[in-house]
Amino acid sequence: LKESYLEAMDGSSKPASDRILLEPYKYLLQLPGKQVRTKLSQAFNHWLNVPEDKLQELLSKLEEP
């Protein structure tokens, strides 16, 4: 981890950087019953202003197993 962190910090390895940045998100997705995708979608919708019917359709697809 230390090596990948150093690679990410100096910009020499974008994949390592991506992995480091996505780790918290991937961890949250593994937690059962937290509806992380739904909550993130609702938060982003604050800026995107998706119509409510379309948002509900998207949210129902995101939470399907």
PDB file of N, CA and C in Angstrom:
ATOM      1  N   LEU A   1       0.828  -1.197   0.000  1.00  0.00           N
ATOM      2  CA  LEU A   1       0.000   0.000   0.000  1.00  0.00           C
ATOM      3  C   LEU A   1       0.867   1.254   0.000  1.00  0.00           C
ATOM      4  N   LYS A   2       1.933   1.237   0.759  1.00  0.00           N
ATOM      5  CA  LYS A   2       2.787   2.412   0.829  1.00  0.00           C
ATOM      6  C   LYS A   2       3.348   2.758  -0.546  1.00  0.00           C
ATOM      7  N   GLU A   3       3.787   1.728  -1.302  1.00  0.00           N
ATOM      8  CA  GLU A   3       4.337   1.975  -2.630  1.00  0.00           C
ATOM      9  C   GLU A   3       3.279   2.538  -3.566  1.00  0.00           C
ATOM     10  N   SER A   4       2.073   1.967  -3.547  1.00  0.00           N
ATOM     11  CA  SER A   4       1.029   2.466  -4.440  1.00  0.00           C
ATOM     12  C   SER A   4       0.626   3.889  -4.053  1.00  0.00           C
ATOM     13  N   TYR A   5       0.650   4.183  -2.760  1.00  0.00           N
ATOM     14  CA  TYR A   5       0.343   5.537  -2.308  1.00  0.00           C
ATOM     15  C   TYR A   5       1.377   6.511  -2.837  1.00  0.00           C
ATOM     16  N   LEU A   6       2.656   6.146  -2.751  1.00  0.00           N
ATOM     17  CA  LEU A   6       3.708   7.023  -3.244  1.00  0.00           C
ATOM     18  C   LEU A   6       3.614   7.196  -4.758  1.00  0.00           C
ATOM     19  N   GLU A   7       3.308   6.123  -5.478  1.00  0.00           N
ATOM     20  CA  GLU A   7       3.127   6.224  -6.924  1.00  0.00           C
ATOM     21  C   GLU A   7       1.980   7.168  -7.254  1.00  0.00           C
ATOM     22  N   ALA A   8       0.903   7.053  -6.515  1.00  0.00           N
ATOM     23  CA  ALA A   8      -0.257   7.900  -6.768  1.00  0.00           C
ATOM     24  C   ALA A   8       0.064   9.361  -6.468  1.00  0.00           C
ATOM     25  N   MET A   9       0.841   9.603  -5.445  1.00  0.00           N
ATOM     26  CA  MET A   9       1.144  10.972  -5.053  1.00  0.00           C
ATOM     27  C   MET A   9       2.021  11.675  -6.082  1.00  0.00           C
ATOM     28  N   ASP A  10       2.921  10.938  -6.736  1.00  0.00           N
ATOM     29  CA  ASP A  10       3.784  11.612  -7.707  1.00  0.00           C
ATOM     30  C   ASP A  10       3.194  11.575  -9.117  1.00  0.00           C
ATOM     31  N   GLY A  11       2.011  10.974  -9.278  1.00  0.00           N
ATOM     32  CA  GLY A  11       1.318  10.985 -10.557  1.00  0.00           C
ATOM     33  C   GLY A  11       1.836   9.985 -11.562  1.00  0.00           C
ATOM     34  N   SER A  12       2.721   9.087 -11.158  1.00  0.00           N
ATOM     35  CA  SER A  12       3.310   8.152 -12.114  1.00  0.00           C
ATOM     36  C   SER A  12       2.414   6.969 -12.422  1.00  0.00           C
ATOM     37  N   SER A  13       1.383   6.754 -11.631  1.00  0.00           N
ATOM     38  CA  SER A  13       0.535   5.579 -11.850  1.00  0.00           C
ATOM     39  C   SER A  13      -0.933   5.934 -11.641  1.00  0.00           C
ATOM     40  N   LYS A  14      -1.607   6.237 -12.720  1.00  0.00           N
ATOM     41  CA  LYS A  14      -3.021   6.579 -12.588  1.00  0.00           C
ATOM     42  C   LYS A  14      -3.854   5.425 -12.071  1.00  0.00           C
ATOM     43  N   PRO A  15      -3.630   4.182 -12.503  1.00  0.00           N
ATOM     44  CA  PRO A  15      -4.433   3.090 -11.938  1.00  0.00           C
ATOM     45  C   PRO A  15      -4.299   2.979 -10.421  1.00  0.00           C
ATOM     46  N   ALA A  16      -3.099   3.160  -9.889  1.00  0.00           N
ATOM     47  CA  ALA A  16      -2.921   3.112  -8.431  1.00  0.00           C
ATOM     48  C   ALA A  16      -3.682   4.260  -7.780  1.00  0.00           C
ATOM     49  N   SER A  17      -3.635   5.401  -8.400  1.00  0.00           N
ATOM     50  CA  SER A  17      -4.349   6.560  -7.881  1.00  0.00           C
ATOM     51  C   SER A  17      -5.852   6.298  -7.878  1.00  0.00           C
ATOM     52  N   ASP A  18      -6.352   5.741  -8.969  1.00  0.00           N
ATOM     53  CA  ASP A  18      -7.782   5.425  -9.049  1.00  0.00           C
ATOM     54  C   ASP A  18      -8.178   4.428  -7.970  1.00  0.00           C
ATOM     55  N   ARG A  19      -7.367   3.414  -7.774  1.00  0.00           N
ATOM     56  CA  ARG A  19      -7.671   2.401  -6.761  1.00  0.00           C
ATOM     57  C   ARG A  19      -7.736   3.026  -5.372  1.00  0.00           C
ATOM     58  N   ILE A  20      -6.802   3.884  -5.077  1.00  0.00           N
ATOM     59  CA  ILE A  20      -6.772   4.521  -3.757  1.00  0.00           C
ATOM     60  C   ILE A  20      -8.011   5.387  -3.553  1.00  0.00           C
ATOM     61  N   LEU A  21      -8.381   6.143  -4.569  1.00  0.00           N
ATOM     62  CA  LEU A  21      -9.536   7.028  -4.443  1.00  0.00           C
ATOM     63  C   LEU A  21     -10.847   6.263  -4.347  1.00  0.00           C
ATOM     64  N   LEU A  22     -10.923   5.089  -4.969  1.00  0.00           N
ATOM     65  CA  LEU A  22     -12.162   4.325  -4.982  1.00  0.00           C
ATOM     66  C   LEU A  22     -12.324   3.389  -3.790  1.00  0.00           C
ATOM     67  N   GLU A  23     -11.284   3.183  -3.006  1.00  0.00           N
ATOM     68  CA  GLU A  23     -11.367   2.252  -1.879  1.00  0.00           C
ATOM     69  C   GLU A  23     -12.498   2.582  -0.899  1.00  0.00           C
ATOM     70  N   PRO A  24     -12.665   3.831  -0.459  1.00  0.00           N
ATOM     71  CA  PRO A  24     -13.778   4.104   0.473  1.00  0.00           C
ATOM     72  C   PRO A  24     -15.137   3.783  -0.146  1.00  0.00           C
ATOM     73  N   TYR A  25     -15.319   4.102  -1.422  1.00  0.00           N
ATOM     74  CA  TYR A  25     -16.583   3.811  -2.104  1.00  0.00           C
ATOM     75  C   TYR A  25     -16.817   2.308  -2.181  1.00  0.00           C
ATOM     76  N   LYS A  26     -15.784   1.569  -2.556  1.00  0.00           N
ATOM     77  CA  LYS A  26     -15.928   0.109  -2.654  1.00  0.00           C
ATOM     78  C   LYS A  26     -16.243  -0.489  -1.282  1.00  0.00           C
ATOM     79  N   TYR A  27     -15.642   0.036  -0.251  1.00  0.00           N
ATOM     80  CA  TYR A  27     -15.932  -0.452   1.104  1.00  0.00           C
ATOM     81  C   TYR A  27     -17.397  -0.222   1.454  1.00  0.00           C
ATOM     82  N   LEU A  28     -17.904   0.980   1.184  1.00  0.00           N
ATOM     83  CA  LEU A  28     -19.293   1.291   1.491  1.00  0.00           C
ATOM     84  C   LEU A  28     -20.268   0.403   0.715  1.00  0.00           C
ATOM     85  N   LEU A  29     -19.920   0.079  -0.517  1.00  0.00           N
ATOM     86  CA  LEU A  29     -20.796  -0.785  -1.316  1.00  0.00           C
ATOM     87  C   LEU A  29     -20.888  -2.189  -0.741  1.00  0.00           C
ATOM     88  N   GLN A  30     -19.884  -2.610  -0.003  1.00  0.00           N
ATOM     89  CA  GLN A  30     -19.883  -3.950   0.581  1.00  0.00           C
ATOM     90  C   GLN A  30     -20.741  -4.028   1.842  1.00  0.00           C
ATOM     91  N   LEU A  31     -21.106  -2.912   2.418  1.00  0.00           N
ATOM     92  CA  LEU A  31     -21.907  -2.912   3.638  1.00  0.00           C
ATOM     93  C   LEU A  31     -23.367  -3.181   3.282  1.00  0.00           C
ATOM     94  N   PRO A  32     -23.948  -4.215   3.832  1.00  0.00           N
ATOM     95  CA  PRO A  32     -25.332  -4.535   3.489  1.00  0.00           C
ATOM     96  C   PRO A  32     -26.317  -3.539   4.095  1.00  0.00           C
ATOM     97  N   GLY A  33     -27.356  -3.228   3.326  1.00  0.00           N
ATOM     98  CA  GLY A  33     -28.459  -2.429   3.847  1.00  0.00           C
ATOM     99  C   GLY A  33     -28.199  -0.946   3.986  1.00  0.00           C
ATOM    100  N   LYS A  34     -27.128  -0.435   3.452  1.00  0.00           N
ATOM    101  CA  LYS A  34     -26.821   0.991   3.611  1.00  0.00           C
ATOM    102  C   LYS A  34     -27.370   1.842   2.477  1.00  0.00           C
ATOM    103  N   GLN A  35     -27.783   1.229   1.388  1.00  0.00           N
ATOM    104  CA  GLN A  35     -28.335   1.934   0.229  1.00  0.00           C
ATOM    105  C   GLN A  35     -27.433   3.078  -0.221  1.00  0.00           C
ATOM    106  N   VAL A  36     -26.145   2.787  -0.329  1.00  0.00           N
ATOM    107  CA  VAL A  36     -25.165   3.812  -0.689  1.00  0.00           C
ATOM    108  C   VAL A  36     -25.443   4.371  -2.077  1.00  0.00           C
ATOM    109  N   ARG A  37     -25.759   3.502  -3.029  1.00  0.00           N
ATOM    110  CA  ARG A  37     -26.012   3.980  -4.389  1.00  0.00           C
ATOM    111  C   ARG A  37     -27.206   4.930  -4.415  1.00  0.00           C
ATOM    112  N   THR A  38     -28.237   4.587  -3.684  1.00  0.00           N
ATOM    113  CA  THR A  38     -29.428   5.441  -3.628  1.00  0.00           C
ATOM    114  C   THR A  38     -29.089   6.793  -3.022  1.00  0.00           C
ATOM    115  N   LYS A  39     -28.379   6.787  -1.929  1.00  0.00           N
ATOM    116  CA  LYS A  39     -28.038   8.037  -1.251  1.00  0.00           C
ATOM    117  C   LYS A  39     -27.132   8.912  -2.107  1.00  0.00           C
ATOM    118  N   LEU A  40     -26.171   8.289  -2.807  1.00  0.00           N
ATOM    119  CA  LEU A  40     -25.298   9.060  -3.696  1.00  0.00           C
ATOM    120  C   LEU A  40     -26.089   9.652  -4.855  1.00  0.00           C
ATOM    121  N   SER A  41     -26.993   8.872  -5.409  1.00  0.00           N
ATOM    122  CA  SER A  41     -27.820   9.360  -6.516  1.00  0.00           C
ATOM    123  C   SER A  41     -28.662  10.544  -6.080  1.00  0.00           C
ATOM    124  N   GLN A  42     -29.238  10.455  -4.901  1.00  0.00           N
ATOM    125  CA  GLN A  42     -30.047  11.559  -4.388  1.00  0.00           C
ATOM    126  C   GLN A  42     -29.188  12.797  -4.135  1.00  0.00           C
ATOM    127  N   ALA A  43     -27.984  12.599  -3.659  1.00  0.00           N
ATOM    128  CA  ALA A  43     -27.085  13.728  -3.415  1.00  0.00           C
ATOM    129  C   ALA A  43     -26.679  14.398  -4.729  1.00  0.00           C
ATOM    130  N   PHE A  44     -26.324  13.609  -5.730  1.00  0.00           N
ATOM    131  CA  PHE A  44     -25.958  14.181  -7.022  1.00  0.00           C
ATOM    132  C   PHE A  44     -27.149  14.864  -7.678  1.00  0.00           C
ATOM    133  N   ASN A  45     -28.347  14.365  -7.424  1.00  0.00           N
ATOM    134  CA  ASN A  45     -29.528  14.966  -8.018  1.00  0.00           C
ATOM    135  C   ASN A  45     -29.764  16.380  -7.509  1.00  0.00           C
ATOM    136  N   HIS A  46     -29.182  16.724  -6.405  1.00  0.00           N
ATOM    137  CA  HIS A  46     -29.273  18.097  -5.900  1.00  0.00           C
ATOM    138  C   HIS A  46     -28.767  19.071  -6.970  1.00  0.00           C
ATOM    139  N   TRP A  47     -27.731  18.669  -7.732  1.00  0.00           N
ATOM    140  CA  TRP A  47     -27.168  19.504  -8.789  1.00  0.00           C
ATOM    141  C   TRP A  47     -27.756  19.186 -10.160  1.00  0.00           C
ATOM    142  N   LEU A  48     -28.109  17.932 -10.385  1.00  0.00           N
ATOM    143  CA  LEU A  48     -28.542  17.512 -11.719  1.00  0.00           C
ATOM    144  C   LEU A  48     -30.020  17.775 -12.003  1.00  0.00           C
ATOM    145  N   ASN A  49     -30.841  17.830 -10.961  1.00  0.00           N
ATOM    146  CA  ASN A  49     -32.274  18.096 -11.101  1.00  0.00           C
ATOM    147  C   ASN A  49     -32.969  17.157 -12.083  1.00  0.00           C
ATOM    148  N   VAL A  50     -32.777  15.876 -11.892  1.00  0.00           N
ATOM    149  CA  VAL A  50     -33.446  14.865 -12.703  1.00  0.00           C
ATOM    150  C   VAL A  50     -34.923  14.835 -12.309  1.00  0.00           C
ATOM    151  N   PRO A  51     -35.842  14.731 -13.283  1.00  0.00           N
ATOM    152  CA  PRO A  51     -37.264  14.640 -12.932  1.00  0.00           C
ATOM    153  C   PRO A  51     -37.524  13.478 -11.966  1.00  0.00           C
ATOM    154  N   GLU A  52     -38.441  13.681 -11.036  1.00  0.00           N
ATOM    155  CA  GLU A  52     -38.683  12.717  -9.961  1.00  0.00           C
ATOM    156  C   GLU A  52     -39.006  11.314 -10.477  1.00  0.00           C
ATOM    157  N   ASP A  53     -39.823  11.202 -11.531  1.00  0.00           N
ATOM    158  CA  ASP A  53     -40.177   9.873 -12.042  1.00  0.00           C
ATOM    159  C   ASP A  53     -38.956   9.146 -12.594  1.00  0.00           C
ATOM    160  N   LYS A  54     -38.082   9.873 -13.277  1.00  0.00           N
ATOM    161  CA  LYS A  54     -36.858   9.268 -13.818  1.00  0.00           C
ATOM    162  C   LYS A  54     -35.903   8.886 -12.689  1.00  0.00           C
ATOM    163  N   LEU A  55     -35.819   9.729 -11.673  1.00  0.00           N
ATOM    164  CA  LEU A  55     -34.960   9.441 -10.530  1.00  0.00           C
ATOM    165  C   LEU A  55     -35.422   8.176  -9.814  1.00  0.00           C
ATOM    166  N   GLN A  56     -36.707   8.037  -9.598  1.00  0.00           N
ATOM    167  CA  GLN A  56     -37.229   6.850  -8.921  1.00  0.00           C
ATOM    168  C   GLN A  56     -36.958   5.586  -9.735  1.00  0.00           C
ATOM    169  N   GLU A  57     -37.089   5.690 -11.047  1.00  0.00           N
ATOM    170  CA  GLU A  57     -36.795   4.548 -11.915  1.00  0.00           C
ATOM    171  C   GLU A  57     -35.322   4.155 -11.796  1.00  0.00           C
ATOM    172  N   LEU A  58     -34.449   5.134 -11.809  1.00  0.00           N
ATOM    173  CA  LEU A  58     -33.017   4.885 -11.670  1.00  0.00           C
ATOM    174  C   LEU A  58     -32.705   4.265 -10.307  1.00  0.00           C
ATOM    175  N   LEU A  59     -33.281   4.819  -9.255  1.00  0.00           N
ATOM    176  CA  LEU A  59     -33.018   4.311  -7.913  1.00  0.00           C
ATOM    177  C   LEU A  59     -33.496   2.871  -7.750  1.00  0.00           C
ATOM    178  N   SER A  60     -34.622   2.540  -8.357  1.00  0.00           N
ATOM    179  CA  SER A  60     -35.114   1.162  -8.247  1.00  0.00           C
ATOM    180  C   SER A  60     -34.167   0.195  -8.942  1.00  0.00           C
ATOM    181  N   LYS A  61     -33.558   0.618 -10.042  1.00  0.00           N
ATOM    182  CA  LYS A  61     -32.592  -0.235 -10.748  1.00  0.00           C
ATOM    183  C   LYS A  61     -31.287  -0.366  -9.960  1.00  0.00           C
ATOM    184  N   LEU A  62     -30.880   0.698  -9.309  1.00  0.00           N
ATOM    185  CA  LEU A  62     -29.614   0.673  -8.567  1.00  0.00           C
ATOM    186  C   LEU A  62     -29.658  -0.277  -7.382  1.00  0.00           C
ATOM    187  N   GLU A  63     -30.784  -0.407  -6.750  1.00  0.00           N
ATOM    188  CA  GLU A  63     -30.881  -1.226  -5.539  1.00  0.00           C
ATOM    189  C   GLU A  63     -31.303  -2.660  -5.801  1.00  0.00           C
ATOM    190  N   GLU A  64     -31.491  -3.021  -7.077  1.00  0.00           N
ATOM    191  CA  GLU A  64     -31.813  -4.418  -7.371  1.00  0.00           C
ATOM    192  C   GLU A  64     -30.601  -5.292  -7.090  1.00  0.00           C
ATOM    193  N   PRO A  65     -30.826  -6.497  -6.577  1.00  0.00           N
ATOM    194  CA  PRO A  65     -29.687  -7.391  -6.304  1.00  0.00           C
ATOM    195  C   PRO A  65     -29.015  -7.904  -7.545  1.00  0.00           C
TER     196      PRO A  65
END
